[in-house]
PDB file of N, CA and C in Angstrom:
ATOM      1  N   MET A   1      10.500  -1.581 -14.034  1.00  0.00           N
ATOM      2  CA  MET A   1      10.316  -1.304 -12.625  1.00  0.00           C
ATOM      3  C   MET A   1       9.295  -0.186 -12.415  1.00  0.00           C
ATOM      4  N   THR A   2       9.268   0.813 -13.313  1.00  0.00           N
ATOM      5  CA  THR A   2       8.351   1.937 -13.164  1.00  0.00           C
ATOM      6  C   THR A   2       6.901   1.487 -13.206  1.00  0.00           C
ATOM      7  N   GLN A   3       6.564   0.596 -14.137  1.00  0.00           N
ATOM      8  CA  GLN A   3       5.188   0.113 -14.228  1.00  0.00           C
ATOM      9  C   GLN A   3       4.804  -0.649 -12.962  1.00  0.00           C
ATOM     10  N   ASN A   4       5.718  -1.457 -12.448  1.00  0.00           N
ATOM     11  CA  ASN A   4       5.442  -2.184 -11.211  1.00  0.00           C
ATOM     12  C   ASN A   4       5.214  -1.224 -10.051  1.00  0.00           C
ATOM     13  N   LEU A   5       6.047  -0.179  -9.973  1.00  0.00           N
ATOM     14  CA  LEU A   5       5.873   0.813  -8.911  1.00  0.00           C
ATOM     15  C   LEU A   5       4.534   1.520  -9.051  1.00  0.00           C
ATOM     16  N   ASP A   6       4.176   1.871 -10.283  1.00  0.00           N
ATOM     17  CA  ASP A   6       2.895   2.542 -10.508  1.00  0.00           C
ATOM     18  C   ASP A   6       1.740   1.668 -10.049  1.00  0.00           C
ATOM     19  N   GLN A   7       1.775   0.391 -10.398  1.00  0.00           N
ATOM     20  CA  GLN A   7       0.711  -0.527  -9.989  1.00  0.00           C
ATOM     21  C   GLN A   7       0.697  -0.712  -8.475  1.00  0.00           C
ATOM     22  N   THR A   8       1.863  -0.827  -7.884  1.00  0.00           N
ATOM     23  CA  THR A   8       1.944  -1.009  -6.436  1.00  0.00           C
ATOM     24  C   THR A   8       1.358   0.190  -5.708  1.00  0.00           C
ATOM     25  N   PHE A   9       1.816   1.394  -6.062  1.00  0.00           N
ATOM     26  CA  PHE A   9       1.341   2.580  -5.359  1.00  0.00           C
ATOM     27  C   PHE A   9      -0.126   2.869  -5.659  1.00  0.00           C
ATOM     28  N   ALA A  10      -0.576   2.588  -6.871  1.00  0.00           N
ATOM     29  CA  ALA A  10      -2.000   2.753  -7.188  1.00  0.00           C
ATOM     30  C   ALA A  10      -2.837   1.802  -6.333  1.00  0.00           C
ATOM     31  N   SER A  11      -2.354   0.586  -6.169  1.00  0.00           N
ATOM     32  CA  SER A  11      -3.066  -0.394  -5.340  1.00  0.00           C
ATOM     33  C   SER A  11      -3.095   0.042  -3.882  1.00  0.00           C
ATOM     34  N   LEU A  12      -2.005   0.578  -3.410  1.00  0.00           N
ATOM     35  CA  LEU A  12      -1.913   0.995  -2.012  1.00  0.00           C
ATOM     36  C   LEU A  12      -2.667   2.290  -1.733  1.00  0.00           C
ATOM     37  N   GLY A  13      -3.098   2.967  -2.794  1.00  0.00           N
ATOM     38  CA  GLY A  13      -3.801   4.233  -2.641  1.00  0.00           C
ATOM     39  C   GLY A  13      -5.207   4.102  -2.085  1.00  0.00           C
ATOM     40  N   ASP A  14      -5.725   2.891  -2.024  1.00  0.00           N
ATOM     41  CA  ASP A  14      -7.087   2.682  -1.556  1.00  0.00           C
ATOM     42  C   ASP A  14      -7.071   2.085  -0.145  1.00  0.00           C
ATOM     43  N   PRO A  15      -7.820   2.675   0.792  1.00  0.00           N
ATOM     44  CA  PRO A  15      -7.791   2.178   2.177  1.00  0.00           C
ATOM     45  C   PRO A  15      -8.327   0.748   2.331  1.00  0.00           C
ATOM     46  N   THR A  16      -9.289   0.369   1.508  1.00  0.00           N
ATOM     47  CA  THR A  16      -9.806  -1.004   1.583  1.00  0.00           C
ATOM     48  C   THR A  16      -8.724  -1.998   1.203  1.00  0.00           C
ATOM     49  N   ARG A  17      -7.986  -1.684   0.151  1.00  0.00           N
ATOM     50  CA  ARG A  17      -6.914  -2.595  -0.282  1.00  0.00           C
ATOM     51  C   ARG A  17      -5.795  -2.649   0.748  1.00  0.00           C
ATOM     52  N   ARG A  18      -5.478  -1.518   1.367  1.00  0.00           N
ATOM     53  CA  ARG A  18      -4.451  -1.538   2.415  1.00  0.00           C
ATOM     54  C   ARG A  18      -4.904  -2.402   3.588  1.00  0.00           C
ATOM     55  N   GLN A  19      -6.171  -2.308   3.945  1.00  0.00           N
ATOM     56  CA  GLN A  19      -6.695  -3.121   5.045  1.00  0.00           C
ATOM     57  C   GLN A  19      -6.646  -4.604   4.686  1.00  0.00           C
ATOM     58  N   ILE A  20      -6.958  -4.928   3.444  1.00  0.00           N
ATOM     59  CA  ILE A  20      -6.883  -6.329   3.009  1.00  0.00           C
ATOM     60  C   ILE A  20      -5.455  -6.843   3.156  1.00  0.00           C
ATOM     61  N   LEU A  21      -4.478  -6.056   2.761  1.00  0.00           N
ATOM     62  CA  LEU A  21      -3.079  -6.478   2.883  1.00  0.00           C
ATOM     63  C   LEU A  21      -2.706  -6.696   4.347  1.00  0.00           C
ATOM     64  N   ILE A  22      -3.182  -5.824   5.215  1.00  0.00           N
ATOM     65  CA  ILE A  22      -2.900  -5.982   6.647  1.00  0.00           C
ATOM     66  C   ILE A  22      -3.504  -7.287   7.159  1.00  0.00           C
ATOM     67  N   MET A  23      -4.721  -7.579   6.725  1.00  0.00           N
ATOM     68  CA  MET A  23      -5.368  -8.824   7.147  1.00  0.00           C
ATOM     69  C   MET A  23      -4.575 -10.043   6.672  1.00  0.00           C
ATOM     70  N   LEU A  24      -4.032  -9.966   5.468  1.00  0.00           N
ATOM     71  CA  LEU A  24      -3.304 -11.098   4.905  1.00  0.00           C
ATOM     72  C   LEU A  24      -1.902 -11.249   5.490  1.00  0.00           C
ATOM     73  N   LEU A  25      -1.456 -10.275   6.265  1.00  0.00           N
ATOM     74  CA  LEU A  25      -0.164 -10.405   6.944  1.00  0.00           C
ATOM     75  C   LEU A  25      -0.165 -11.593   7.902  1.00  0.00           C
ATOM     76  N   GLU A  26      -1.315 -11.854   8.500  1.00  0.00           N
ATOM     77  CA  GLU A  26      -1.399 -12.920   9.500  1.00  0.00           C
ATOM     78  C   GLU A  26      -1.419 -14.306   8.884  1.00  0.00           C
ATOM     79  N   ASP A  27      -2.184 -14.472   7.791  1.00  0.00           N
ATOM     80  CA  ASP A  27      -2.303 -15.800   7.186  1.00  0.00           C
ATOM     81  C   ASP A  27      -3.081 -15.695   5.882  1.00  0.00           C
ATOM     82  N   ASP A  28      -3.040 -16.763   5.102  1.00  0.00           N
ATOM     83  CA  ASP A  28      -3.861 -16.849   3.903  1.00  0.00           C
ATOM     84  C   ASP A  28      -5.322 -16.808   4.322  1.00  0.00           C
ATOM     85  N   MET A  29      -6.161 -16.255   3.460  1.00  0.00           N
ATOM     86  CA  MET A  29      -7.580 -16.162   3.790  1.00  0.00           C
ATOM     87  C   MET A  29      -8.431 -16.482   2.572  1.00  0.00           C
ATOM     88  N   ALA A  30      -9.589 -17.086   2.811  1.00  0.00           N
ATOM     89  CA  ALA A  30     -10.569 -17.299   1.754  1.00  0.00           C
ATOM     90  C   ALA A  30     -11.182 -15.946   1.400  1.00  0.00           C
ATOM     91  N   VAL A  31     -11.594 -15.801   0.152  1.00  0.00           N
ATOM     92  CA  VAL A  31     -12.177 -14.540  -0.308  1.00  0.00           C
ATOM     93  C   VAL A  31     -13.361 -14.142   0.578  1.00  0.00           C
ATOM     94  N   THR A  32     -14.188 -15.080   0.940  1.00  0.00           N
ATOM     95  CA  THR A  32     -15.348 -14.758   1.791  1.00  0.00           C
ATOM     96  C   THR A  32     -14.914 -14.245   3.163  1.00  0.00           C
ATOM     97  N   ASP A  33     -13.812 -14.768   3.688  1.00  0.00           N
ATOM     98  CA  ASP A  33     -13.293 -14.281   4.969  1.00  0.00           C
ATOM     99  C   ASP A  33     -12.709 -12.880   4.837  1.00  0.00           C
ATOM    100  N   VAL A  34     -12.083 -12.612   3.696  1.00  0.00           N
ATOM    101  CA  VAL A  34     -11.554 -11.269   3.440  1.00  0.00           C
ATOM    102  C   VAL A  34     -12.705 -10.271   3.411  1.00  0.00           C
ATOM    103  N   ALA A  35     -13.806 -10.655   2.785  1.00  0.00           N
ATOM    104  CA  ALA A  35     -14.944  -9.749   2.607  1.00  0.00           C
ATOM    105  C   ALA A  35     -15.709  -9.478   3.897  1.00  0.00           C
ATOM    106  N   GLU A  36     -15.639 -10.407   4.833  1.00  0.00           N
ATOM    107  CA  GLU A  36     -16.486 -10.357   6.033  1.00  0.00           C
ATOM    108  C   GLU A  36     -16.467  -9.034   6.795  1.00  0.00           C
ATOM    109  N   PRO A  37     -15.317  -8.450   7.093  1.00  0.00           N
ATOM    110  CA  PRO A  37     -15.351  -7.235   7.922  1.00  0.00           C
ATOM    111  C   PRO A  37     -15.764  -5.963   7.173  1.00  0.00           C
ATOM    112  N   PHE A  38     -15.916  -6.039   5.871  1.00  0.00           N
ATOM    113  CA  PHE A  38     -16.225  -4.845   5.080  1.00  0.00           C
ATOM    114  C   PHE A  38     -17.723  -4.733   4.823  1.00  0.00           C
ATOM    115  N   ASP A  39     -18.187  -3.526   4.771  1.00  0.00           N
ATOM    116  CA  ASP A  39     -19.600  -3.268   4.511  1.00  0.00           C
ATOM    117  C   ASP A  39     -19.807  -2.964   3.022  1.00  0.00           C
ATOM    118  N   ILE A  40     -19.221  -3.813   2.177  1.00  0.00           N
ATOM    119  CA  ILE A  40     -19.393  -3.695   0.731  1.00  0.00           C
ATOM    120  C   ILE A  40     -19.662  -5.092   0.177  1.00  0.00           C
ATOM    121  N   SER A  41     -20.102  -5.141  -1.066  1.00  0.00           N
ATOM    122  CA  SER A  41     -20.491  -6.421  -1.655  1.00  0.00           C
ATOM    123  C   SER A  41     -19.277  -7.316  -1.920  1.00  0.00           C
ATOM    124  N   LEU A  42     -19.565  -8.590  -2.060  1.00  0.00           N
ATOM    125  CA  LEU A  42     -18.518  -9.552  -2.409  1.00  0.00           C
ATOM    126  C   LEU A  42     -17.924  -9.217  -3.774  1.00  0.00           C
ATOM    127  N   ALA A  43     -18.756  -8.716  -4.682  1.00  0.00           N
ATOM    128  CA  ALA A  43     -18.263  -8.310  -6.011  1.00  0.00           C
ATOM    129  C   ALA A  43     -17.260  -7.162  -5.895  1.00  0.00           C
ATOM    130  N   ALA A  44     -17.530  -6.220  -4.999  1.00  0.00           N
ATOM    131  CA  ALA A  44     -16.607  -5.093  -4.808  1.00  0.00           C
ATOM    132  C   ALA A  44     -15.286  -5.579  -4.216  1.00  0.00           C
ATOM    133  N   ILE A  45     -15.364  -6.492  -3.259  1.00  0.00           N
ATOM    134  CA  ILE A  45     -14.136  -7.062  -2.683  1.00  0.00           C
ATOM    135  C   ILE A  45     -13.360  -7.798  -3.765  1.00  0.00           C
ATOM    136  N   SER A  46     -14.061  -8.527  -4.615  1.00  0.00           N
ATOM    137  CA  SER A  46     -13.399  -9.259  -5.703  1.00  0.00           C
ATOM    138  C   SER A  46     -12.650  -8.312  -6.626  1.00  0.00           C
ATOM    139  N   LYS A  47     -13.220  -7.151  -6.894  1.00  0.00           N
ATOM    140  CA  LYS A  47     -12.527  -6.153  -7.730  1.00  0.00           C
ATOM    141  C   LYS A  47     -11.256  -5.664  -7.046  1.00  0.00           C
ATOM    142  N   HIS A  48     -11.346  -5.415  -5.746  1.00  0.00           N
ATOM    143  CA  HIS A  48     -10.150  -5.001  -5.006  1.00  0.00           C
ATOM    144  C   HIS A  48      -9.081  -6.096  -5.062  1.00  0.00           C
ATOM    145  N   LEU A  49      -9.506  -7.331  -4.906  1.00  0.00           N
ATOM    146  CA  LEU A  49      -8.563  -8.454  -4.946  1.00  0.00           C
ATOM    147  C   LEU A  49      -7.936  -8.602  -6.329  1.00  0.00           C
ATOM    148  N   GLN A  50      -8.697  -8.349  -7.377  1.00  0.00           N
ATOM    149  CA  GLN A  50      -8.145  -8.409  -8.740  1.00  0.00           C
ATOM    150  C   GLN A  50      -7.062  -7.352  -8.931  1.00  0.00           C
ATOM    151  N   ILE A  51      -7.297  -6.161  -8.410  1.00  0.00           N
ATOM    152  CA  ILE A  51      -6.306  -5.080  -8.520  1.00  0.00           C
ATOM    153  C   ILE A  51      -5.031  -5.461  -7.772  1.00  0.00           C
ATOM    154  N   LEU A  52      -5.187  -5.993  -6.564  1.00  0.00           N
ATOM    155  CA  LEU A  52      -4.023  -6.418  -5.789  1.00  0.00           C
ATOM    156  C   LEU A  52      -3.279  -7.564  -6.473  1.00  0.00           C
ATOM    157  N   THR A  53      -4.021  -8.454  -7.109  1.00  0.00           N
ATOM    158  CA  THR A  53      -3.405  -9.582  -7.826  1.00  0.00           C
ATOM    159  C   THR A  53      -2.643  -9.079  -9.050  1.00  0.00           C
ATOM    160  N   ARG A  54      -3.250  -8.176  -9.824  1.00  0.00           N
ATOM    161  CA  ARG A  54      -2.561  -7.630 -11.015  1.00  0.00           C
ATOM    162  C   ARG A  54      -1.283  -6.895 -10.633  1.00  0.00           C
ATOM    163  N   ALA A  55      -1.290  -6.260  -9.476  1.00  0.00           N
ATOM    164  CA  ALA A  55      -0.096  -5.550  -9.003  1.00  0.00           C
ATOM    165  C   ALA A  55       0.939  -6.516  -8.438  1.00  0.00           C
ATOM    166  N   GLY A  56       0.550  -7.788  -8.270  1.00  0.00           N
ATOM    167  CA  GLY A  56       1.468  -8.787  -7.740  1.00  0.00           C
ATOM    168  C   GLY A  56       1.580  -8.769  -6.229  1.00  0.00           C
ATOM    169  N   LEU A  57       0.715  -8.003  -5.555  1.00  0.00           N
ATOM    170  CA  LEU A  57       0.789  -7.895  -4.101  1.00  0.00           C
ATOM    171  C   LEU A  57       0.179  -9.100  -3.399  1.00  0.00           C
ATOM    172  N   ILE A  58      -0.753  -9.773  -4.073  1.00  0.00           N
ATOM    173  CA  ILE A  58      -1.321 -11.009  -3.542  1.00  0.00           C
ATOM    174  C   ILE A  58      -1.402 -12.025  -4.673  1.00  0.00           C
ATOM    175  N   SER A  59      -1.591 -13.270  -4.294  1.00  0.00           N
ATOM    176  CA  SER A  59      -1.900 -14.307  -5.276  1.00  0.00           C
ATOM    177  C   SER A  59      -3.213 -14.945  -4.832  1.00  0.00           C
ATOM    178  N   GLN A  60      -3.911 -15.512  -5.789  1.00  0.00           N
ATOM    179  CA  GLN A  60      -5.157 -16.206  -5.498  1.00  0.00           C
ATOM    180  C   GLN A  60      -5.044 -17.625  -6.026  1.00  0.00           C
ATOM    181  N   GLU A  61      -5.502 -18.572  -5.226  1.00  0.00           N
ATOM    182  CA  GLU A  61      -5.410 -19.983  -5.591  1.00  0.00           C
ATOM    183  C   GLU A  61      -6.733 -20.655  -5.245  1.00  0.00           C
ATOM    184  N   LYS A  62      -7.238 -21.424  -6.194  1.00  0.00           N
ATOM    185  CA  LYS A  62      -8.469 -22.166  -5.942  1.00  0.00           C
ATOM    186  C   LYS A  62      -8.124 -23.510  -5.316  1.00  0.00           C
ATOM    187  N   ARG A  63      -8.690 -23.742  -4.136  1.00  0.00           N
ATOM    188  CA  ARG A  63      -8.525 -25.018  -3.432  1.00  0.00           C
ATOM    189  C   ARG A  63      -9.926 -25.589  -3.239  1.00  0.00           C
ATOM    190  N   GLY A  64     -10.244 -26.580  -4.040  1.00  0.00           N
ATOM    191  CA  GLY A  64     -11.612 -27.099  -4.030  1.00  0.00           C
ATOM    192  C   GLY A  64     -12.541 -26.041  -4.591  1.00  0.00           C
ATOM    193  N   ARG A  65     -13.535 -25.664  -3.820  1.00  0.00           N
ATOM    194  CA  ARG A  65     -14.485 -24.635  -4.251  1.00  0.00           C
ATOM    195  C   ARG A  65     -14.154 -23.258  -3.703  1.00  0.00           C
ATOM    196  N   VAL A  66     -13.102 -23.175  -2.921  1.00  0.00           N
ATOM    197  CA  VAL A  66     -12.762 -21.936  -2.225  1.00  0.00           C
ATOM    198  C   VAL A  66     -11.542 -21.287  -2.865  1.00  0.00           C
ATOM    199  N   ILE A  67     -11.635 -19.974  -3.053  1.00  0.00           N
ATOM    200  CA  ILE A  67     -10.490 -19.212  -3.568  1.00  0.00           C
ATOM    201  C   ILE A  67      -9.778 -18.590  -2.369  1.00  0.00           C
ATOM    202  N   TRP A  68      -8.488 -18.885  -2.258  1.00  0.00           N
ATOM    203  CA  TRP A  68      -7.669 -18.392  -1.166  1.00  0.00           C
ATOM    204  C   TRP A  68      -6.767 -17.270  -1.645  1.00  0.00           C
ATOM    205  N   CYS A  69      -6.545 -16.293  -0.782  1.00  0.00           N
ATOM    206  CA  CYS A  69      -5.672 -15.160  -1.073  1.00  0.00           C
ATOM    207  C   CYS A  69      -4.429 -15.266  -0.198  1.00  0.00           C
ATOM    208  N   LYS A  70      -3.305 -14.970  -0.793  1.00  0.00           N
ATOM    209  CA  LYS A  70      -2.033 -15.037  -0.076  1.00  0.00           C
ATOM    210  C   LYS A  70      -1.228 -13.779  -0.376  1.00  0.00           C
ATOM    211  N   LEU A  71      -0.692 -13.168   0.667  1.00  0.00           N
ATOM    212  CA  LEU A  71       0.155 -11.997   0.526  1.00  0.00           C
ATOM    213  C   LEU A  71       1.474 -12.400  -0.125  1.00  0.00           C
ATOM    214  N   GLN A  72       1.924 -11.619  -1.079  1.00  0.00           N
ATOM    215  CA  GLN A  72       3.215 -11.840  -1.736  1.00  0.00           C
ATOM    216  C   GLN A  72       4.205 -10.829  -1.162  1.00  0.00           C
ATOM    217  N   MET A  73       4.894 -11.247  -0.120  1.00  0.00           N
ATOM    218  CA  MET A  73       5.772 -10.344   0.634  1.00  0.00           C
ATOM    219  C   MET A  73       6.841  -9.688  -0.239  1.00  0.00           C
ATOM    220  N   HIS A  74       7.374 -10.419  -1.187  1.00  0.00           N
ATOM    221  CA  HIS A  74       8.444  -9.886  -2.031  1.00  0.00           C
ATOM    222  C   HIS A  74       7.950  -8.801  -2.975  1.00  0.00           C
ATOM    223  N   ALA A  75       6.650  -8.721  -3.198  1.00  0.00           N
ATOM    224  CA  ALA A  75       6.107  -7.812  -4.213  1.00  0.00           C
ATOM    225  C   ALA A  75       6.322  -6.345  -3.882  1.00  0.00           C
ATOM    226  N   MET A  76       6.434  -6.004  -2.620  1.00  0.00           N
ATOM    227  CA  MET A  76       6.630  -4.600  -2.251  1.00  0.00           C
ATOM    228  C   MET A  76       8.101  -4.234  -2.120  1.00  0.00           C
ATOM    229  N   ARG A  77       8.960  -5.162  -2.450  1.00  0.00           N
ATOM    230  CA  ARG A  77      10.400  -4.927  -2.314  1.00  0.00           C
ATOM    231  C   ARG A  77      10.854  -3.732  -3.148  1.00  0.00           C
ATOM    232  N   ASP A  78      10.458  -3.662  -4.417  1.00  0.00           N
ATOM    233  CA  ASP A  78      10.875  -2.549  -5.272  1.00  0.00           C
ATOM    234  C   ASP A  78      10.368  -1.214  -4.729  1.00  0.00           C
ATOM    235  N   ALA A  79       9.117  -1.204  -4.245  1.00  0.00           N
ATOM    236  CA  ALA A  79       8.564   0.026  -3.674  1.00  0.00           C
ATOM    237  C   ALA A  79       9.325   0.416  -2.406  1.00  0.00           C
ATOM    238  N   ALA A  80       9.657  -0.576  -1.587  1.00  0.00           N
ATOM    239  CA  ALA A  80      10.405  -0.297  -0.355  1.00  0.00           C
ATOM    240  C   ALA A  80      11.796   0.251  -0.672  1.00  0.00           C
ATOM    241  N   ILE A  81      12.454  -0.346  -1.659  1.00  0.00           N
ATOM    242  CA  ILE A  81      13.783   0.138  -2.064  1.00  0.00           C
ATOM    243  C   ILE A  81      13.682   1.562  -2.585  1.00  0.00           C
ATOM    244  N   TRP A  82      12.666   1.828  -3.392  1.00  0.00           N
ATOM    245  CA  TRP A  82      12.471   3.167  -3.954  1.00  0.00           C
ATOM    246  C   TRP A  82      12.250   4.181  -2.829  1.00  0.00           C
ATOM    247  N   MET A  83      11.408   3.835  -1.843  1.00  0.00           N
ATOM    248  CA  MET A  83      11.131   4.759  -0.746  1.00  0.00           C
ATOM    249  C   MET A  83      12.337   4.920   0.171  1.00  0.00           C
ATOM    250  N   GLU A  84      13.080   3.841   0.399  1.00  0.00           N
ATOM    251  CA  GLU A  84      14.250   3.923   1.262  1.00  0.00           C
ATOM    252  C   GLU A  84      15.324   4.836   0.683  1.00  0.00           C
ATOM    253  N   SER A  85      15.355   4.975  -0.621  1.00  0.00           N
ATOM    254  CA  SER A  85      16.358   5.852  -1.226  1.00  0.00           C
ATOM    255  C   SER A  85      16.169   7.297  -0.776  1.00  0.00           C
ATOM    256  N   PHE A  86      14.951   7.660  -0.406  1.00  0.00           N
ATOM    257  CA  PHE A  86      14.699   9.004   0.092  1.00  0.00           C
ATOM    258  C   PHE A  86      15.117   9.153   1.546  1.00  0.00           C
ATOM    259  N   GLY A  87      15.319   8.047   2.236  1.00  0.00           N
ATOM    260  CA  GLY A  87      15.769   8.091   3.616  1.00  0.00           C
ATOM    261  C   GLY A  87      17.189   8.590   3.747  1.00  0.00           C
ATOM    262  N   GLN A  88      17.918   8.619   2.644  1.00  0.00           N
ATOM    263  CA  GLN A  88      19.293   9.102   2.670  1.00  0.00           C
ATOM    264  C   GLN A  88      19.348  10.624   2.746  1.00  0.00           C
ATOM    265  N   LEU A  89      18.230  11.269   2.447  1.00  0.00           N
ATOM    266  CA  LEU A  89      18.177  12.719   2.535  1.00  0.00           C
ATOM    267  C   LEU A  89      18.065  13.123   3.993  1.00  0.00           C
ATOM    268  N   GLU A  90      18.665  14.254   4.332  1.00  0.00           N
ATOM    269  CA  GLU A  90      18.603  14.725   5.701  1.00  0.00           C
ATOM    270  C   GLU A  90      17.182  15.154   6.039  1.00  0.00           C
ATOM    271  N   GLN A  91      16.702  14.754   7.200  1.00  0.00           N
ATOM    272  CA  GLN A  91      15.361  15.122   7.632  1.00  0.00           C
ATOM    273  C   GLN A  91      15.311  16.626   7.888  1.00  0.00           C
ATOM    274  N   VAL A  92      14.194  17.214   7.538  1.00  0.00           N
ATOM    275  CA  VAL A  92      14.012  18.644   7.744  1.00  0.00           C
ATOM    276  C   VAL A  92      13.480  18.872   9.156  1.00  0.00           C
ATOM    277  N   ASN A  93      14.166  19.728   9.901  1.00  0.00           N
ATOM    278  CA  ASN A  93      13.691  20.129  11.219  1.00  0.00           C
ATOM    279  C   ASN A  93      12.734  21.296  10.996  1.00  0.00           C
ATOM    280  N   LEU A  94      11.438  21.066  11.191  1.00  0.00           N
ATOM    281  CA  LEU A  94      10.435  22.077  10.867  1.00  0.00           C
ATOM    282  C   LEU A  94      10.542  23.310  11.746  1.00  0.00           C
ATOM    283  N   ASP A  95      10.974  23.164  12.981  1.00  0.00           N
ATOM    284  CA  ASP A  95      11.141  24.334  13.855  1.00  0.00           C
ATOM    285  C   ASP A  95      12.247  25.244  13.328  1.00  0.00           C
ATOM    286  N   VAL A  96      13.353  24.652  12.936  1.00  0.00           N
ATOM    287  CA  VAL A  96      14.459  25.428  12.372  1.00  0.00           C
ATOM    288  C   VAL A  96      14.038  26.081  11.071  1.00  0.00           C
ATOM    289  N   PHE A  97      13.293  25.331  10.241  1.00  0.00           N
ATOM    290  CA  PHE A  97      12.830  25.868   8.956  1.00  0.00           C
ATOM    291  C   PHE A  97      11.865  27.034   9.184  1.00  0.00           C
ATOM    292  N   GLU A  98      10.976  26.917  10.158  1.00  0.00           N
ATOM    293  CA  GLU A  98      10.040  27.994  10.468  1.00  0.00           C
ATOM    294  C   GLU A  98      10.794  29.239  10.941  1.00  0.00           C
ATOM    295  N   ALA A  99      11.792  29.051  11.798  1.00  0.00           N
ATOM    296  CA  ALA A  99      12.601  30.178  12.268  1.00  0.00           C
ATOM    297  C   ALA A  99      13.334  30.840  11.102  1.00  0.00           C
ATOM    298  N   PHE A 100      13.835  30.036  10.188  1.00  0.00           N
ATOM    299  CA  PHE A 100      14.508  30.564   9.001  1.00  0.00           C
ATOM    300  C   PHE A 100      13.544  31.423   8.183  1.00  0.00           C
ATOM    301  N   LEU A 101      12.318  30.919   7.980  1.00  0.00           N
ATOM    302  CA  LEU A 101      11.341  31.678   7.191  1.00  0.00           C
ATOM    303  C   LEU A 101      10.974  32.988   7.873  1.00  0.00           C
ATOM    304  N   LYS A 102      10.813  32.962   9.203  1.00  0.00           N
ATOM    305  CA  LYS A 102      10.508  34.199   9.938  1.00  0.00           C
ATOM    306  C   LYS A 102      11.654  35.188   9.802  1.00  0.00           C
ATOM    307  N   ASP A 103      12.876  34.688   9.889  1.00  0.00           N
ATOM    308  CA  ASP A 103      14.068  35.529   9.746  1.00  0.00           C
ATOM    309  C   ASP A 103      14.111  36.170   8.366  1.00  0.00           C
ATOM    310  N   GLN A 104      13.792  35.399   7.347  1.00  0.00           N
ATOM    311  CA  GLN A 104      13.802  35.899   5.982  1.00  0.00           C
ATOM    312  C   GLN A 104      12.712  36.949   5.772  1.00  0.00           C
ATOM    313  N   THR A 105      11.564  36.754   6.399  1.00  0.00           N
ATOM    314  CA  THR A 105      10.456  37.700   6.274  1.00  0.00           C
ATOM    315  C   THR A 105      10.813  39.035   6.912  1.00  0.00           C
ATOM    316  N   ILE A 106      11.451  38.952   8.067  1.00  0.00           N
ATOM    317  CA  ILE A 106      11.835  40.182   8.788  1.00  0.00           C
ATOM    318  C   ILE A 106      12.834  40.963   7.962  1.00  0.00           C
ATOM    319  N   ARG A 107      13.770  40.312   7.320  1.00  0.00           N
ATOM    320  CA  ARG A 107      14.807  41.008   6.539  1.00  0.00           C
ATOM    321  C   ARG A 107      14.220  41.775   5.355  1.00  0.00           C
ATOM    322  N   PHE A 108      13.119  41.286   4.794  1.00  0.00           N
ATOM    323  CA  PHE A 108      12.580  41.903   3.597  1.00  0.00           C
ATOM    324  C   PHE A 108      11.537  42.974   3.912  1.00  0.00           C
ATOM    325  N   ASP A 109      11.116  43.119   5.162  1.00  0.00           N
ATOM    326  CA  ASP A 109      10.099  44.115   5.506  1.00  0.00           C
ATOM    327  C   ASP A 109      10.669  45.480   5.673  1.00  0.00           C
TER     328      ASP A 109
END
């Protein structure tokens, strides 16, 4: 699971790859359609797609002469479970924490 999480978070660390995933939320897309809104080469988009594929976040399928990309919704499940485990911690109220720090500073002066 750790290696999968590492690959998932490494893949999500790039804004271009995150944008590609958002685009694929709507529907499967041809590689050329994925590349269209970006101001980078098709080769660069292909590298991003390879990283997403290795992480299991998307799949690629050749249909005729066109390579299609499909979002793998289940692939982020482990990452979501891992992140949700931190939701069990109590949220920090920053105003209260700031007041606490000011109080502590005053006591030591």
